[in-house]
Structure formats: structure tokens, C-alpha cells
Amino acid sequence: MTITVIEAGRKGGLKVLDTHGRDFFVRIGRKGQRAMRTKYPDMAKLWGKLGGRPKKPSIGLVMGERSEK
């Protein structure tokens, strides 16, 4: 039986939730927010207006392949 990457990520996330609890996710989220604000000062306000931080380019885009979308 094979599972998709999405299913594997969900199962792993639920296991971490069972092991460490909700407070763990709160702490790592705050830590990530602090790191983002240190790395990109004054950009959170602009990104919020645009709907969030820009996503990293896909590997296909980096390799010069065209998107099928």
C-alpha cells in the first residue's frame, strides 16, 4: 500500500501533535515568525496586504520548464 506525500505529512503532523501537544506548534510558529521578521524586517506589513509571503519558485520554474496551469 502506498500513500501520497500529503497523507504522509498529515500522519506525521498528527503524530507530532500526539507526542508534543498543541503548545509545541504554537512555540515553533512564534519562533518562525520571529526568524522571518529578523530576516525580512519591515516586509510583513507589505506581504500581509498582498495576501502573505511570496512562495518559493517551483523546481520546474527554476529549471526553466513551463507550467501546465
Protein backbone atom coordinates (compact mmCIF):
# COMPACT_ATOMS: atom_id res chain seq x y z
CA MET A 1 0.00 0.00 0.00
CA THR A 2 1.37 3.39 -0.98
CA ILE A 3 0.40 6.73 0.46
CA THR A 4 0.77 10.16 -1.05
CA VAL A 5 3.15 12.82 0.24
CA ILE A 6 0.16 14.77 1.55
CA GLU A 7 -1.12 11.77 3.51
CA ALA A 8 2.35 11.08 4.92
CA GLY A 9 2.72 14.70 6.02
CA ARG A 10 -0.68 14.65 7.68
CA LYS A 11 0.08 11.42 9.54
CA GLY A 12 3.44 12.80 10.66
CA GLY A 13 1.89 16.06 11.83
CA LEU A 14 -0.77 14.23 13.81
CA LYS A 15 1.90 12.05 15.43
CA VAL A 16 3.86 15.17 16.47
CA LEU A 17 0.63 16.64 17.83
CA ASP A 18 0.03 13.50 19.91
CA THR A 19 3.62 13.47 21.13
CA HIS A 20 4.26 17.16 21.87
CA GLY A 21 0.82 18.77 22.03
CA ARG A 22 -0.67 21.97 20.66
CA ASP A 23 1.66 24.25 22.65
CA PHE A 24 4.62 22.87 20.69
CA PHE A 25 3.09 24.10 17.43
CA VAL A 26 2.38 27.50 19.00
CA ARG A 27 6.02 27.80 20.11
CA ILE A 28 7.53 26.81 16.76
CA GLY A 29 5.11 29.12 14.93
CA ARG A 30 6.20 32.07 17.06
CA LYS A 31 9.85 31.12 16.59
CA GLY A 32 9.35 31.03 12.81
CA GLN A 33 7.60 34.40 12.85
CA ARG A 34 10.49 35.93 14.83
CA ALA A 35 13.02 34.49 12.37
CA MET A 36 11.03 35.79 9.38
CA ARG A 37 10.83 39.29 10.89
CA THR A 38 14.59 39.23 11.59
CA LYS A 39 15.43 38.08 8.08
CA TYR A 40 12.92 40.37 6.33
CA PRO A 41 12.40 43.45 8.52
CA ASP A 42 9.51 45.73 7.54
CA MET A 43 8.19 43.27 4.94
CA ALA A 44 5.41 41.59 6.98
CA LYS A 45 3.08 44.57 6.57
CA LEU A 46 3.55 44.61 2.78
CA TRP A 47 3.18 40.83 2.46
CA GLY A 48 0.03 40.95 4.59
CA LYS A 49 -1.52 43.42 2.16
CA LEU A 50 -0.58 41.12 -0.73
CA GLY A 51 -2.05 38.03 0.93
CA GLY A 52 1.04 36.51 2.53
CA ARG A 53 4.72 35.90 1.99
CA PRO A 54 5.61 35.01 -1.60
CA LYS A 55 6.14 31.30 -2.23
CA LYS A 56 9.49 29.94 -3.31
CA PRO A 57 9.63 29.17 -7.02
CA SER A 58 8.89 25.58 -8.00
CA ILE A 59 11.71 23.34 -9.18
CA GLY A 60 10.19 23.33 -12.67
CA LEU A 61 10.35 27.11 -12.84
CA VAL A 62 13.92 27.10 -11.57
CA MET A 63 14.92 24.52 -14.20
CA GLY A 64 13.26 26.56 -16.96
CA GLU A 65 10.29 24.28 -17.56
CA ARG A 66 6.92 25.78 -18.39
CA SER A 67 3.96 25.31 -16.09
CA GLU A 68 0.97 23.29 -17.33
CA LYS A 69 -1.51 25.51 -15.43
